[in-house]
Amino acid sequence: EVLGLDTVGPDDSFFDLGGHSLLATR
């Protein structure tokens, strides 16, 4: 939801999928 993706797997890194510090707060 936060990254705007359809699905995220249990072993996918938040930051590898485009996450950054502002999205981390969300």
mmCIF file of all heavy atoms, coordinates in Angstrom:
data_MODEL
# 
_entry.id   MODEL 
# 
loop_
_atom_site.group_PDB 
_atom_site.id 
_atom_site.type_symbol 
_atom_site.label_atom_id 
_atom_site.label_alt_id 
_atom_site.label_comp_id 
_atom_site.label_asym_id 
_atom_site.label_entity_id 
_atom_site.label_seq_id 
_atom_site.pdbx_PDB_ins_code 
_atom_site.Cartn_x 
_atom_site.Cartn_y 
_atom_site.Cartn_z 
_atom_site.occupancy 
_atom_site.B_iso_or_equiv 
_atom_site.pdbx_formal_charge 
_atom_site.auth_seq_id 
_atom_site.auth_comp_id 
_atom_site.auth_asym_id 
_atom_site.auth_atom_id 
_atom_site.pdbx_PDB_model_num 
ATOM 1   N N   . GLU A 1 1  ? 0.829  -1.211  0.000  1.00 0.00 ? 1  GLU A N   1 
ATOM 2   C CA  . GLU A 1 1  ? 0.000  0.000   0.000  1.00 0.00 ? 1  GLU A CA  1 
ATOM 3   C C   . GLU A 1 1  ? 0.859  1.255   0.000  1.00 0.00 ? 1  GLU A C   1 
ATOM 4   O O   . GLU A 1 1  ? 0.633  2.173   -0.795 1.00 0.00 ? 1  GLU A O   1 
ATOM 5   C CB  . GLU A 1 1  ? -0.918 -0.007  1.214  1.00 0.00 ? 1  GLU A CB  1 
ATOM 6   C CG  . GLU A 1 1  ? -1.823 1.209   1.282  1.00 0.00 ? 1  GLU A CG  1 
ATOM 7   C CD  . GLU A 1 1  ? -2.702 1.220   2.515  1.00 0.00 ? 1  GLU A CD  1 
ATOM 8   O OE1 . GLU A 1 1  ? -2.897 0.155   3.136  1.00 0.00 ? 1  GLU A OE1 1 
ATOM 9   O OE2 . GLU A 1 1  ? -3.176 2.306   2.869  1.00 0.00 ? 1  GLU A OE2 1 
ATOM 10  N N   . VAL A 1 2  ? 1.847  1.303   0.853  1.00 0.00 ? 2  VAL A N   1 
ATOM 11  C CA  . VAL A 1 2  ? 2.696  2.500   0.964  1.00 0.00 ? 2  VAL A CA  1 
ATOM 12  C C   . VAL A 1 2  ? 3.549  2.694   -0.286 1.00 0.00 ? 2  VAL A C   1 
ATOM 13  O O   . VAL A 1 2  ? 3.737  3.818   -0.746 1.00 0.00 ? 2  VAL A O   1 
ATOM 14  C CB  . VAL A 1 2  ? 3.576  2.414   2.232  1.00 0.00 ? 2  VAL A CB  1 
ATOM 15  C CG1 . VAL A 1 2  ? 4.652  3.481   2.236  1.00 0.00 ? 2  VAL A CG1 1 
ATOM 16  C CG2 . VAL A 1 2  ? 2.713  2.536   3.481  1.00 0.00 ? 2  VAL A CG2 1 
ATOM 17  N N   . LEU A 1 3  ? 4.032  1.598   -0.870 1.00 0.00 ? 3  LEU A N   1 
ATOM 18  C CA  . LEU A 1 3  ? 4.883  1.692   -2.051 1.00 0.00 ? 3  LEU A CA  1 
ATOM 19  C C   . LEU A 1 3  ? 4.091  1.799   -3.354 1.00 0.00 ? 3  LEU A C   1 
ATOM 20  O O   . LEU A 1 3  ? 4.669  2.023   -4.414 1.00 0.00 ? 3  LEU A O   1 
ATOM 21  C CB  . LEU A 1 3  ? 5.824  0.479   -2.115 1.00 0.00 ? 3  LEU A CB  1 
ATOM 22  C CG  . LEU A 1 3  ? 6.872  0.406   -1.004 1.00 0.00 ? 3  LEU A CG  1 
ATOM 23  C CD1 . LEU A 1 3  ? 7.560  -0.950  -1.019 1.00 0.00 ? 3  LEU A CD1 1 
ATOM 24  C CD2 . LEU A 1 3  ? 7.888  1.523   -1.167 1.00 0.00 ? 3  LEU A CD2 1 
ATOM 25  N N   . GLY A 1 4  ? 2.768  1.606   -3.296 1.00 0.00 ? 4  GLY A N   1 
ATOM 26  C CA  . GLY A 1 4  ? 1.950  1.679   -4.497 1.00 0.00 ? 4  GLY A CA  1 
ATOM 27  C C   . GLY A 1 4  ? 2.129  0.485   -5.408 1.00 0.00 ? 4  GLY A C   1 
ATOM 28  O O   . GLY A 1 4  ? 2.031  0.605   -6.629 1.00 0.00 ? 4  GLY A O   1 
ATOM 29  N N   . LEU A 1 5  ? 2.381  -0.682  -4.826 1.00 0.00 ? 5  LEU A N   1 
ATOM 30  C CA  . LEU A 1 5  ? 2.568  -1.907  -5.601 1.00 0.00 ? 5  LEU A CA  1 
ATOM 31  C C   . LEU A 1 5  ? 1.372  -2.834  -5.401 1.00 0.00 ? 5  LEU A C   1 
ATOM 32  O O   . LEU A 1 5  ? 0.640  -2.719  -4.426 1.00 0.00 ? 5  LEU A O   1 
ATOM 33  C CB  . LEU A 1 5  ? 3.846  -2.623  -5.156 1.00 0.00 ? 5  LEU A CB  1 
ATOM 34  C CG  . LEU A 1 5  ? 5.142  -1.837  -5.310 1.00 0.00 ? 5  LEU A CG  1 
ATOM 35  C CD1 . LEU A 1 5  ? 6.296  -2.590  -4.679 1.00 0.00 ? 5  LEU A CD1 1 
ATOM 36  C CD2 . LEU A 1 5  ? 5.431  -1.571  -6.779 1.00 0.00 ? 5  LEU A CD2 1 
ATOM 37  N N   . ASP A 1 6  ? 1.201  -3.774  -6.331 1.00 0.00 ? 6  ASP A N   1 
ATOM 38  C CA  . ASP A 1 6  ? 0.114  -4.745  -6.210 1.00 0.00 ? 6  ASP A CA  1 
ATOM 39  C C   . ASP A 1 6  ? 0.392  -5.737  -5.083 1.00 0.00 ? 6  ASP A C   1 
ATOM 40  O O   . ASP A 1 6  ? -0.480 -6.016  -4.275 1.00 0.00 ? 6  ASP A O   1 
ATOM 41  C CB  . ASP A 1 6  ? -0.093 -5.495  -7.523 1.00 0.00 ? 6  ASP A CB  1 
ATOM 42  C CG  . ASP A 1 6  ? -0.616 -4.583  -8.622 1.00 0.00 ? 6  ASP A CG  1 
ATOM 43  O OD1 . ASP A 1 6  ? -1.280 -3.583  -8.298 1.00 0.00 ? 6  ASP A OD1 1 
ATOM 44  O OD2 . ASP A 1 6  ? -0.335 -4.864  -9.798 1.00 0.00 ? 6  ASP A OD2 1 
ATOM 45  N N   . THR A 1 7  ? 1.599  -6.275  -5.067 1.00 0.00 ? 7  THR A N   1 
ATOM 46  C CA  . THR A 1 7  ? 1.961  -7.254  -4.044 1.00 0.00 ? 7  THR A CA  1 
ATOM 47  C C   . THR A 1 7  ? 3.410  -7.047  -3.633 1.00 0.00 ? 7  THR A C   1 
ATOM 48  O O   . THR A 1 7  ? 4.221  -6.523  -4.401 1.00 0.00 ? 7  THR A O   1 
ATOM 49  C CB  . THR A 1 7  ? 1.816  -8.704  -4.547 1.00 0.00 ? 7  THR A CB  1 
ATOM 50  O OG1 . THR A 1 7  ? 2.665  -8.883  -5.675 1.00 0.00 ? 7  THR A OG1 1 
ATOM 51  C CG2 . THR A 1 7  ? 0.385  -9.037  -4.899 1.00 0.00 ? 7  THR A CG2 1 
ATOM 52  N N   . VAL A 1 8  ? 3.723  -7.489  -2.436 1.00 0.00 ? 8  VAL A N   1 
ATOM 53  C CA  . VAL A 1 8  ? 5.094  -7.492  -1.926 1.00 0.00 ? 8  VAL A CA  1 
ATOM 54  C C   . VAL A 1 8  ? 5.290  -8.827  -1.234 1.00 0.00 ? 8  VAL A C   1 
ATOM 55  O O   . VAL A 1 8  ? 4.428  -9.270  -0.474 1.00 0.00 ? 8  VAL A O   1 
ATOM 56  C CB  . VAL A 1 8  ? 5.330  -6.327  -0.933 1.00 0.00 ? 8  VAL A CB  1 
ATOM 57  C CG1 . VAL A 1 8  ? 6.680  -6.460  -0.252 1.00 0.00 ? 8  VAL A CG1 1 
ATOM 58  C CG2 . VAL A 1 8  ? 5.233  -4.989  -1.645 1.00 0.00 ? 8  VAL A CG2 1 
ATOM 59  N N   . GLY A 1 9  ? 6.408  -9.482  -1.516 1.00 0.00 ? 9  GLY A N   1 
ATOM 60  C CA  . GLY A 1 9  ? 6.710  -10.761 -0.893 1.00 0.00 ? 9  GLY A CA  1 
ATOM 61  C C   . GLY A 1 9  ? 7.355  -10.580 0.470  1.00 0.00 ? 9  GLY A C   1 
ATOM 62  O O   . GLY A 1 9  ? 7.880  -9.509  0.779  1.00 0.00 ? 9  GLY A O   1 
ATOM 63  N N   . PRO A 1 10 ? 7.342  -11.619 1.292  1.00 0.00 ? 10 PRO A N   1 
ATOM 64  C CA  . PRO A 1 10 ? 7.894  -11.527 2.644  1.00 0.00 ? 10 PRO A CA  1 
ATOM 65  C C   . PRO A 1 10 ? 9.391  -11.235 2.689  1.00 0.00 ? 10 PRO A C   1 
ATOM 66  O O   . PRO A 1 10 ? 9.881  -10.718 3.683  1.00 0.00 ? 10 PRO A O   1 
ATOM 67  C CB  . PRO A 1 10 ? 7.611  -12.900 3.254  1.00 0.00 ? 10 PRO A CB  1 
ATOM 68  C CG  . PRO A 1 10 ? 6.620  -13.541 2.371  1.00 0.00 ? 10 PRO A CG  1 
ATOM 69  C CD  . PRO A 1 10 ? 6.717  -12.911 1.035  1.00 0.00 ? 10 PRO A CD  1 
ATOM 70  N N   . ASP A 1 11 ? 10.118 -11.555 1.620  1.00 0.00 ? 11 ASP A N   1 
ATOM 71  C CA  . ASP A 1 11 ? 11.564 -11.349 1.615  1.00 0.00 ? 11 ASP A CA  1 
ATOM 72  C C   . ASP A 1 11 ? 11.997 -10.160 0.761  1.00 0.00 ? 11 ASP A C   1 
ATOM 73  O O   . ASP A 1 11 ? 13.183 -9.984  0.490  1.00 0.00 ? 11 ASP A O   1 
ATOM 74  C CB  . ASP A 1 11 ? 12.265 -12.625 1.140  1.00 0.00 ? 11 ASP A CB  1 
ATOM 75  C CG  . ASP A 1 11 ? 11.960 -13.800 2.049  1.00 0.00 ? 11 ASP A CG  1 
ATOM 76  O OD1 . ASP A 1 11 ? 11.983 -13.611 3.276  1.00 0.00 ? 11 ASP A OD1 1 
ATOM 77  O OD2 . ASP A 1 11 ? 11.679 -14.896 1.540  1.00 0.00 ? 11 ASP A OD2 1 
ATOM 78  N N   . ASP A 1 12 ? 11.051 -9.331  0.329  1.00 0.00 ? 12 ASP A N   1 
ATOM 79  C CA  . ASP A 1 12 ? 11.364 -8.152  -0.479 1.00 0.00 ? 12 ASP A CA  1 
ATOM 80  C C   . ASP A 1 12 ? 11.739 -6.985  0.419  1.00 0.00 ? 12 ASP A C   1 
ATOM 81  O O   . ASP A 1 12 ? 11.038 -6.672  1.376  1.00 0.00 ? 12 ASP A O   1 
ATOM 82  C CB  . ASP A 1 12 ? 10.168 -7.755  -1.348 1.00 0.00 ? 12 ASP A CB  1 
ATOM 83  C CG  . ASP A 1 12 ? 9.880  -8.765  -2.430 1.00 0.00 ? 12 ASP A CG  1 
ATOM 84  O OD1 . ASP A 1 12 ? 10.834 -9.409  -2.896 1.00 0.00 ? 12 ASP A OD1 1 
ATOM 85  O OD2 . ASP A 1 12 ? 8.715  -8.918  -2.805 1.00 0.00 ? 12 ASP A OD2 1 
ATOM 86  N N   . SER A 1 13 ? 12.828 -6.332  0.083  1.00 0.00 ? 13 SER A N   1 
ATOM 87  C CA  . SER A 1 13 ? 13.308 -5.196  0.874  1.00 0.00 ? 13 SER A CA  1 
ATOM 88  C C   . SER A 1 13 ? 12.524 -3.936  0.536  1.00 0.00 ? 13 SER A C   1 
ATOM 89  O O   . SER A 1 13 ? 12.333 -3.595  -0.635 1.00 0.00 ? 13 SER A O   1 
ATOM 90  C CB  . SER A 1 13 ? 14.793 -4.956  0.619  1.00 0.00 ? 13 SER A CB  1 
ATOM 91  O OG  . SER A 1 13 ? 15.209 -3.760  1.254  1.00 0.00 ? 13 SER A OG  1 
ATOM 92  N N   . PHE A 1 14 ? 12.089 -3.239  1.563  1.00 0.00 ? 14 PHE A N   1 
ATOM 93  C CA  . PHE A 1 14 ? 11.354 -1.979  1.412  1.00 0.00 ? 14 PHE A CA  1 
ATOM 94  C C   . PHE A 1 14 ? 12.151 -0.998  0.559  1.00 0.00 ? 14 PHE A C   1 
ATOM 95  O O   . PHE A 1 14 ? 11.611 -0.350  -0.324 1.00 0.00 ? 14 PHE A O   1 
ATOM 96  C CB  . PHE A 1 14 ? 11.092 -1.392  2.805  1.00 0.00 ? 14 PHE A CB  1 
ATOM 97  C CG  . PHE A 1 14 ? 10.386 -0.075  2.807  1.00 0.00 ? 14 PHE A CG  1 
ATOM 98  C CD1 . PHE A 1 14 ? 9.031  0.016   2.545  1.00 0.00 ? 14 PHE A CD1 1 
ATOM 99  C CD2 . PHE A 1 14 ? 11.072 1.089   3.095  1.00 0.00 ? 14 PHE A CD2 1 
ATOM 100 C CE1 . PHE A 1 14 ? 8.370  1.229   2.561  1.00 0.00 ? 14 PHE A CE1 1 
ATOM 101 C CE2 . PHE A 1 14 ? 10.415 2.316   3.116  1.00 0.00 ? 14 PHE A CE2 1 
ATOM 102 C CZ  . PHE A 1 14 ? 9.071  2.380   2.842  1.00 0.00 ? 14 PHE A CZ  1 
ATOM 103 N N   . PHE A 1 15 ? 13.442 -0.902  0.787  1.00 0.00 ? 15 PHE A N   1 
ATOM 104 C CA  . PHE A 1 15 ? 14.272 0.083   0.093  1.00 0.00 ? 15 PHE A CA  1 
ATOM 105 C C   . PHE A 1 15 ? 14.614 -0.359  -1.325 1.00 0.00 ? 15 PHE A C   1 
ATOM 106 O O   . PHE A 1 15 ? 14.750 0.481   -2.210 1.00 0.00 ? 15 PHE A O   1 
ATOM 107 C CB  . PHE A 1 15 ? 15.521 0.380   0.919  1.00 0.00 ? 15 PHE A CB  1 
ATOM 108 C CG  . PHE A 1 15 ? 15.168 0.912   2.276  1.00 0.00 ? 15 PHE A CG  1 
ATOM 109 C CD1 . PHE A 1 15 ? 15.252 0.109   3.394  1.00 0.00 ? 15 PHE A CD1 1 
ATOM 110 C CD2 . PHE A 1 15 ? 14.691 2.199   2.433  1.00 0.00 ? 15 PHE A CD2 1 
ATOM 111 C CE1 . PHE A 1 15 ? 14.888 0.582   4.642  1.00 0.00 ? 15 PHE A CE1 1 
ATOM 112 C CE2 . PHE A 1 15 ? 14.317 2.685   3.676  1.00 0.00 ? 15 PHE A CE2 1 
ATOM 113 C CZ  . PHE A 1 15 ? 14.415 1.879   4.778  1.00 0.00 ? 15 PHE A CZ  1 
ATOM 114 N N   . ASP A 1 16 ? 14.712 -1.655  -1.573 1.00 0.00 ? 16 ASP A N   1 
ATOM 115 C CA  . ASP A 1 16 ? 14.948 -2.139  -2.937 1.00 0.00 ? 16 ASP A CA  1 
ATOM 116 C C   . ASP A 1 16 ? 13.735 -1.903  -3.826 1.00 0.00 ? 16 ASP A C   1 
ATOM 117 O O   . ASP A 1 16 ? 13.863 -1.807  -5.044 1.00 0.00 ? 16 ASP A O   1 
ATOM 118 C CB  . ASP A 1 16 ? 15.293 -3.631  -2.936 1.00 0.00 ? 16 ASP A CB  1 
ATOM 119 C CG  . ASP A 1 16 ? 16.677 -3.912  -2.377 1.00 0.00 ? 16 ASP A CG  1 
ATOM 120 O OD1 . ASP A 1 16 ? 17.452 -2.948  -2.187 1.00 0.00 ? 16 ASP A OD1 1 
ATOM 121 O OD2 . ASP A 1 16 ? 16.978 -5.091  -2.111 1.00 0.00 ? 16 ASP A OD2 1 
ATOM 122 N N   . LEU A 1 17 ? 12.563 -1.840  -3.227 1.00 0.00 ? 17 LEU A N   1 
ATOM 123 C CA  . LEU A 1 17 ? 11.334 -1.618  -4.000 1.00 0.00 ? 17 LEU A CA  1 
ATOM 124 C C   . LEU A 1 17 ? 11.013 -0.137  -4.169 1.00 0.00 ? 17 LEU A C   1 
ATOM 125 O O   . LEU A 1 17 ? 9.954  0.217   -4.659 1.00 0.00 ? 17 LEU A O   1 
ATOM 126 C CB  . LEU A 1 17 ? 10.159 -2.328  -3.324 1.00 0.00 ? 17 LEU A CB  1 
ATOM 127 C CG  . LEU A 1 17 ? 10.231 -3.846  -3.311 1.00 0.00 ? 17 LEU A CG  1 
ATOM 128 C CD1 . LEU A 1 17 ? 9.089  -4.422  -2.486 1.00 0.00 ? 17 LEU A CD1 1 
ATOM 129 C CD2 . LEU A 1 17 ? 10.199 -4.405  -4.725 1.00 0.00 ? 17 LEU A CD2 1 
ATOM 130 N N   . GLY A 1 18 ? 11.923 0.737   -3.780 1.00 0.00 ? 18 GLY A N   1 
ATOM 131 C CA  . GLY A 1 18 ? 11.726 2.169   -3.990 1.00 0.00 ? 18 GLY A CA  1 
ATOM 132 C C   . GLY A 1 18 ? 11.389 2.944   -2.736 1.00 0.00 ? 18 GLY A C   1 
ATOM 133 O O   . GLY A 1 18 ? 11.102 4.141   -2.805 1.00 0.00 ? 18 GLY A O   1 
ATOM 134 N N   . GLY A 1 19 ? 11.398 2.311   -1.581 1.00 0.00 ? 19 GLY A N   1 
ATOM 135 C CA  . GLY A 1 19 ? 11.104 3.009   -0.333 1.00 0.00 ? 19 GLY A CA  1 
ATOM 136 C C   . GLY A 1 19 ? 12.223 3.953   0.059  1.00 0.00 ? 19 GLY A C   1 
ATOM 137 O O   . GLY A 1 19 ? 13.373 3.753   -0.301 1.00 0.00 ? 19 GLY A O   1 
ATOM 138 N N   . HIS A 1 20 ? 11.870 4.998   0.772  1.00 0.00 ? 20 HIS A N   1 
ATOM 139 C CA  . HIS A 1 20 ? 12.845 5.956   1.291  1.00 0.00 ? 20 HIS A CA  1 
ATOM 140 C C   . HIS A 1 20 ? 12.351 6.433   2.651  1.00 0.00 ? 20 HIS A C   1 
ATOM 141 O O   . HIS A 1 20 ? 11.312 5.989   3.140  1.00 0.00 ? 20 HIS A O   1 
ATOM 142 C CB  . HIS A 1 20 ? 13.055 7.120   0.315  1.00 0.00 ? 20 HIS A CB  1 
ATOM 143 C CG  . HIS A 1 20 ? 11.784 7.739   -0.180 1.00 0.00 ? 20 HIS A CG  1 
ATOM 144 N ND1 . HIS A 1 20 ? 11.007 8.570   0.606  1.00 0.00 ? 20 HIS A ND1 1 
ATOM 145 C CD2 . HIS A 1 20 ? 11.136 7.618   -1.360 1.00 0.00 ? 20 HIS A CD2 1 
ATOM 146 C CE1 . HIS A 1 20 ? 9.947  8.954   -0.092 1.00 0.00 ? 20 HIS A CE1 1 
ATOM 147 N NE2 . HIS A 1 20 ? 9.994  8.377   -1.283 1.00 0.00 ? 20 HIS A NE2 1 
ATOM 148 N N   . SER A 1 21 ? 13.083 7.324   3.267  1.00 0.00 ? 21 SER A N   1 
ATOM 149 C CA  . SER A 1 21 ? 12.793 7.705   4.652  1.00 0.00 ? 21 SER A CA  1 
ATOM 150 C C   . SER A 1 21 ? 11.408 8.328   4.824  1.00 0.00 ? 21 SER A C   1 
ATOM 151 O O   . SER A 1 21 ? 10.751 8.091   5.840  1.00 0.00 ? 21 SER A O   1 
ATOM 152 C CB  . SER A 1 21 ? 13.868 8.655   5.177  1.00 0.00 ? 21 SER A CB  1 
ATOM 153 O OG  . SER A 1 21 ? 13.941 9.809   4.365  1.00 0.00 ? 21 SER A OG  1 
ATOM 154 N N   . LEU A 1 22 ? 10.937 9.095   3.862  1.00 0.00 ? 22 LEU A N   1 
ATOM 155 C CA  . LEU A 1 22 ? 9.600  9.692   3.986  1.00 0.00 ? 22 LEU A CA  1 
ATOM 156 C C   . LEU A 1 22 ? 8.508  8.624   3.902  1.00 0.00 ? 22 LEU A C   1 
ATOM 157 O O   . LEU A 1 22 ? 7.534  8.660   4.655  1.00 0.00 ? 22 LEU A O   1 
ATOM 158 C CB  . LEU A 1 22 ? 9.381  10.769  2.924  1.00 0.00 ? 22 LEU A CB  1 
ATOM 159 C CG  . LEU A 1 22 ? 10.290 11.989  3.045  1.00 0.00 ? 22 LEU A CG  1 
ATOM 160 C CD1 . LEU A 1 22 ? 10.051 12.945  1.883  1.00 0.00 ? 22 LEU A CD1 1 
ATOM 161 C CD2 . LEU A 1 22 ? 10.074 12.691  4.364  1.00 0.00 ? 22 LEU A CD2 1 
ATOM 162 N N   . LEU A 1 23 ? 8.686  7.668   2.996  1.00 0.00 ? 23 LEU A N   1 
ATOM 163 C CA  . LEU A 1 23 ? 7.724  6.568   2.914  1.00 0.00 ? 23 LEU A CA  1 
ATOM 164 C C   . LEU A 1 23 ? 7.818  5.665   4.140  1.00 0.00 ? 23 LEU A C   1 
ATOM 165 O O   . LEU A 1 23 ? 6.835  5.052   4.545  1.00 0.00 ? 23 LEU A O   1 
ATOM 166 C CB  . LEU A 1 23 ? 7.940  5.752   1.639  1.00 0.00 ? 23 LEU A CB  1 
ATOM 167 C CG  . LEU A 1 23 ? 7.481  6.399   0.336  1.00 0.00 ? 23 LEU A CG  1 
ATOM 168 C CD1 . LEU A 1 23 ? 7.830  5.514   -0.854 1.00 0.00 ? 23 LEU A CD1 1 
ATOM 169 C CD2 . LEU A 1 23 ? 6.001  6.700   0.363  1.00 0.00 ? 23 LEU A CD2 1 
ATOM 170 N N   . ALA A 1 24 ? 9.006  5.604   4.746  1.00 0.00 ? 24 ALA A N   1 
ATOM 171 C CA  . ALA A 1 24 ? 9.179  4.789   5.948  1.00 0.00 ? 24 ALA A CA  1 
ATOM 172 C C   . ALA A 1 24 ? 8.304  5.328   7.083  1.00 0.00 ? 24 ALA A C   1 
ATOM 173 O O   . ALA A 1 24 ? 7.739  4.547   7.853  1.00 0.00 ? 24 ALA A O   1 
ATOM 174 C CB  . ALA A 1 24 ? 10.646 4.764   6.366  1.00 0.00 ? 24 ALA A CB  1 
ATOM 175 N N   . THR A 1 25 ? 8.161  6.642   7.184  1.00 0.00 ? 25 THR A N   1 
ATOM 176 C CA  . THR A 1 25 ? 7.297  7.204   8.231  1.00 0.00 ? 25 THR A CA  1 
ATOM 177 C C   . THR A 1 25 ? 5.840  6.850   7.959  1.00 0.00 ? 25 THR A C   1 
ATOM 178 O O   . THR A 1 25 ? 5.087  6.563   8.891  1.00 0.00 ? 25 THR A O   1 
ATOM 179 C CB  . THR A 1 25 ? 7.455  8.729   8.346  1.00 0.00 ? 25 THR A CB  1 
ATOM 180 O OG1 . THR A 1 25 ? 7.151  9.336   7.098  1.00 0.00 ? 25 THR A OG1 1 
ATOM 181 C CG2 . THR A 1 25 ? 8.867  9.098   8.771  1.00 0.00 ? 25 THR A CG2 1 
ATOM 182 N N   . ARG A 1 26 ? 5.439  6.842   6.696  1.00 0.00 ? 26 ARG A N   1 
ATOM 183 C CA  . ARG A 1 26 ? 4.071  6.434   6.351  1.00 0.00 ? 26 ARG A CA  1 
ATOM 184 C C   . ARG A 1 26 ? 3.853  4.961   6.669  1.00 0.00 ? 26 ARG A C   1 
ATOM 185 O O   . ARG A 1 26 ? 2.789  4.575   7.167  1.00 0.00 ? 26 ARG A O   1 
ATOM 186 C CB  . ARG A 1 26 ? 3.783  6.701   4.875  1.00 0.00 ? 26 ARG A CB  1 
ATOM 187 C CG  . ARG A 1 26 ? 3.650  8.180   4.558  1.00 0.00 ? 26 ARG A CG  1 
ATOM 188 C CD  . ARG A 1 26 ? 3.285  8.452   3.126  1.00 0.00 ? 26 ARG A CD  1 
ATOM 189 N NE  . ARG A 1 26 ? 2.050  7.793   2.768  1.00 0.00 ? 26 ARG A NE  1 
ATOM 190 C CZ  . ARG A 1 26 ? 1.719  7.507   1.520  1.00 0.00 ? 26 ARG A CZ  1 
ATOM 191 N NH1 . ARG A 1 26 ? 2.514  7.827   0.525  1.00 0.00 ? 26 ARG A NH1 1 
ATOM 192 N NH2 . ARG A 1 26 ? 0.581  6.899   1.259  1.00 0.00 ? 26 ARG A NH2 1 
# 
